[in-house]
Amino acid sequence: MQPDRRGLAPGARWELTASPQGRGLFGTVLGSPRTTRTVVVMEVRVNEFLHLLFAEDGVEAELALEAAGESRTQATLTVEGSWFRLNHSLPRTALNRLHALCQTAAEL
């Protein structure tokens, strides 16, 4: 993830770069092609809400944070876009990693 110089601010455009996860002939021997996508920060409410647009895929994600007791936070991730795009694109991987990060933080 390469952040925009404006950071996490509305209108900021972040670059998300990844390599395919496959380990087949083309994935390891010949090298994996890198995929780059643009993530646009649509709205930010500090400690409450984040709305992102995965521009090339037309997938939108909203992360809502809410206090859930002492030292606990409820995170609700809502994703909108065609199932084909969510199932076969970089946004799905990125959002799954965000979910895993939140789960890891919750266990600490």
C-alpha atoms as a PDB file:
ATOM      1  CA  MET A   1       0.000   0.000   0.000  1.00  0.00           C
ATOM      2  CA  GLN A   2       1.451   3.350  -1.054  1.00  0.00           C
ATOM      3  CA  PRO A   3      -0.396   6.163   0.723  1.00  0.00           C
ATOM      4  CA  ASP A   4      -1.203   9.512  -0.834  1.00  0.00           C
ATOM      5  CA  ARG A   5       0.827  12.433   0.525  1.00  0.00           C
ATOM      6  CA  ARG A   6      -2.435  13.737   2.029  1.00  0.00           C
ATOM      7  CA  GLY A   7      -2.722  10.613   4.160  1.00  0.00           C
ATOM      8  CA  LEU A   8      -6.141   9.376   5.202  1.00  0.00           C
ATOM      9  CA  ALA A   9      -8.110  12.381   3.950  1.00  0.00           C
ATOM     10  CA  PRO A  10     -11.135  12.639   1.652  1.00  0.00           C
ATOM     11  CA  GLY A  11      -9.995  12.688  -1.962  1.00  0.00           C
ATOM     12  CA  ALA A  12      -6.648  11.004  -1.222  1.00  0.00           C
ATOM     13  CA  ARG A  13      -5.696   8.322  -3.760  1.00  0.00           C
ATOM     14  CA  TRP A  14      -3.707   5.355  -2.442  1.00  0.00           C
ATOM     15  CA  GLU A  15      -1.972   2.758  -4.612  1.00  0.00           C
ATOM     16  CA  LEU A  16      -2.528  -0.870  -3.698  1.00  0.00           C
ATOM     17  CA  THR A  17      -0.006  -3.237  -5.307  1.00  0.00           C
ATOM     18  CA  ALA A  18       0.049  -7.026  -4.999  1.00  0.00           C
ATOM     19  CA  SER A  19       1.304 -10.139  -6.730  1.00  0.00           C
ATOM     20  CA  PRO A  20      -0.976 -13.124  -7.425  1.00  0.00           C
ATOM     21  CA  GLN A  21      -0.864 -15.772  -4.714  1.00  0.00           C
ATOM     22  CA  GLY A  22      -0.502 -18.710  -7.122  1.00  0.00           C
ATOM     23  CA  ARG A  23       2.496 -21.006  -6.968  1.00  0.00           C
ATOM     24  CA  GLY A  24       2.101 -22.542 -10.407  1.00  0.00           C
ATOM     25  CA  LEU A  25       4.658 -22.388 -13.206  1.00  0.00           C
ATOM     26  CA  PHE A  26       3.793 -18.807 -14.120  1.00  0.00           C
ATOM     27  CA  GLY A  27       3.620 -17.687 -10.488  1.00  0.00           C
ATOM     28  CA  THR A  28       7.090 -18.766  -9.385  1.00  0.00           C
ATOM     29  CA  VAL A  29       9.308 -19.671 -12.319  1.00  0.00           C
ATOM     30  CA  LEU A  30       8.548 -16.762 -14.608  1.00  0.00           C
ATOM     31  CA  GLY A  31       7.693 -14.314 -11.874  1.00  0.00           C
ATOM     32  CA  SER A  32       4.277 -12.989 -10.958  1.00  0.00           C
ATOM     33  CA  PRO A  33       2.892  -9.929 -12.663  1.00  0.00           C
ATOM     34  CA  ARG A  34       2.145  -7.200 -10.162  1.00  0.00           C
ATOM     35  CA  THR A  35      -1.330  -5.734 -10.030  1.00  0.00           C
ATOM     36  CA  THR A  36      -1.869  -2.112  -9.053  1.00  0.00           C
ATOM     37  CA  ARG A  37      -5.220  -0.609  -8.116  1.00  0.00           C
ATOM     38  CA  THR A  38      -6.274   2.825  -6.939  1.00  0.00           C
ATOM     39  CA  VAL A  39      -8.081   3.185  -3.622  1.00  0.00           C
ATOM     40  CA  VAL A  40      -9.846   6.535  -3.186  1.00  0.00           C
ATOM     41  CA  VAL A  41     -10.649   7.775   0.317  1.00  0.00           C
ATOM     42  CA  MET A  42     -14.242   9.013   0.049  1.00  0.00           C
ATOM     43  CA  GLU A  43     -15.040   9.960   3.646  1.00  0.00           C
ATOM     44  CA  VAL A  44     -13.299   9.891   7.004  1.00  0.00           C
ATOM     45  CA  ARG A  45     -14.698  10.484  10.467  1.00  0.00           C
ATOM     46  CA  VAL A  46     -11.830  10.001  12.916  1.00  0.00           C
ATOM     47  CA  ASN A  47     -12.301   6.980  15.194  1.00  0.00           C
ATOM     48  CA  GLU A  48     -15.776   6.373  13.695  1.00  0.00           C
ATOM     49  CA  PHE A  49     -16.011   5.763   9.964  1.00  0.00           C
ATOM     50  CA  LEU A  50     -14.016   5.176   6.774  1.00  0.00           C
ATOM     51  CA  HIS A  51     -15.456   4.957   3.239  1.00  0.00           C
ATOM     52  CA  LEU A  52     -13.165   3.700   0.445  1.00  0.00           C
ATOM     53  CA  LEU A  53     -13.657   3.210  -3.294  1.00  0.00           C
ATOM     54  CA  PHE A  54     -11.603   0.622  -5.177  1.00  0.00           C
ATOM     55  CA  ALA A  55     -11.717   2.687  -8.371  1.00  0.00           C
ATOM     56  CA  GLU A  56     -10.936   0.177 -11.131  1.00  0.00           C
ATOM     57  CA  ASP A  57     -13.255  -2.449  -9.703  1.00  0.00           C
ATOM     58  CA  GLY A  58     -16.170  -0.218  -8.716  1.00  0.00           C
ATOM     59  CA  VAL A  59     -16.176  -1.740  -5.232  1.00  0.00           C
ATOM     60  CA  GLU A  60     -16.984   0.413  -2.219  1.00  0.00           C
ATOM     61  CA  ALA A  61     -16.136  -0.437   1.376  1.00  0.00           C
ATOM     62  CA  GLU A  62     -17.270   1.216   4.572  1.00  0.00           C
ATOM     63  CA  LEU A  63     -15.683   0.526   7.940  1.00  0.00           C
ATOM     64  CA  ALA A  64     -17.727   1.699  10.934  1.00  0.00           C
ATOM     65  CA  LEU A  65     -16.160   1.661  14.404  1.00  0.00           C
ATOM     66  CA  GLU A  66     -18.206   1.766  17.590  1.00  0.00           C
ATOM     67  CA  ALA A  67     -17.263   1.482  21.265  1.00  0.00           C
ATOM     68  CA  ALA A  68     -18.242  -1.943  22.601  1.00  0.00           C
ATOM     69  CA  GLY A  69     -17.182  -1.747  26.212  1.00  0.00           C
ATOM     70  CA  GLU A  70     -13.955  -0.994  27.993  1.00  0.00           C
ATOM     71  CA  SER A  71     -10.968  -1.421  25.643  1.00  0.00           C
ATOM     72  CA  ARG A  72     -13.189  -2.986  22.961  1.00  0.00           C
ATOM     73  CA  THR A  73     -14.318  -1.746  19.557  1.00  0.00           C
ATOM     74  CA  GLN A  74     -17.005  -3.176  17.290  1.00  0.00           C
ATOM     75  CA  ALA A  75     -15.896  -2.983  13.654  1.00  0.00           C
ATOM     76  CA  THR A  76     -18.525  -3.383  10.928  1.00  0.00           C
ATOM     77  CA  LEU A  77     -17.289  -3.739   7.363  1.00  0.00           C
ATOM     78  CA  THR A  78     -19.819  -3.239   4.565  1.00  0.00           C
ATOM     79  CA  VAL A  79     -18.808  -3.965   0.975  1.00  0.00           C
ATOM     80  CA  GLU A  80     -20.836  -3.057  -2.104  1.00  0.00           C
ATOM     81  CA  GLY A  81     -20.040  -4.185  -5.619  1.00  0.00           C
ATOM     82  CA  SER A  82     -20.737  -6.975  -8.058  1.00  0.00           C
ATOM     83  CA  TRP A  83     -20.083 -10.471  -6.683  1.00  0.00           C
ATOM     84  CA  PHE A  84     -17.809 -11.225  -9.630  1.00  0.00           C
ATOM     85  CA  ARG A  85     -15.574  -8.272  -8.760  1.00  0.00           C
ATOM     86  CA  LEU A  86     -15.533  -9.127  -5.056  1.00  0.00           C
ATOM     87  CA  ASN A  87     -14.781 -12.765  -5.716  1.00  0.00           C
ATOM     88  CA  HIS A  88     -12.027 -12.307  -8.309  1.00  0.00           C
ATOM     89  CA  SER A  89     -10.232  -9.071  -7.566  1.00  0.00           C
ATOM     90  CA  LEU A  90      -7.695  -7.367  -5.388  1.00  0.00           C
ATOM     91  CA  PRO A  91     -10.311  -5.637  -3.184  1.00  0.00           C
ATOM     92  CA  ARG A  92     -11.418  -8.992  -1.773  1.00  0.00           C
ATOM     93  CA  THR A  93      -7.852  -9.789  -0.683  1.00  0.00           C
ATOM     94  CA  ALA A  94      -7.359  -6.318   0.783  1.00  0.00           C
ATOM     95  CA  LEU A  95     -10.619  -6.430   2.720  1.00  0.00           C
ATOM     96  CA  ASN A  96      -9.895  -9.941   4.019  1.00  0.00           C
ATOM     97  CA  ARG A  97      -6.535  -8.709   5.304  1.00  0.00           C
ATOM     98  CA  LEU A  98      -8.227  -5.734   6.989  1.00  0.00           C
ATOM     99  CA  HIS A  99     -10.625  -8.130   8.699  1.00  0.00           C
ATOM    100  CA  ALA A 100      -7.730 -10.340   9.857  1.00  0.00           C
ATOM    101  CA  LEU A 101      -5.906  -7.282  11.192  1.00  0.00           C
ATOM    102  CA  CYS A 102      -8.969  -6.245  13.201  1.00  0.00           C
ATOM    103  CA  GLN A 103      -9.329  -9.776  14.581  1.00  0.00           C
ATOM    104  CA  THR A 104      -5.658  -9.856  15.582  1.00  0.00           C
ATOM    105  CA  ALA A 105      -5.981  -6.514  17.341  1.00  0.00           C
ATOM    106  CA  ALA A 106      -9.058  -7.767  19.192  1.00  0.00           C
ATOM    107  CA  GLU A 107      -7.094 -10.715  20.575  1.00  0.00           C
ATOM    108  CA  LEU A 108      -4.357  -8.532  22.091  1.00  0.00           C
END
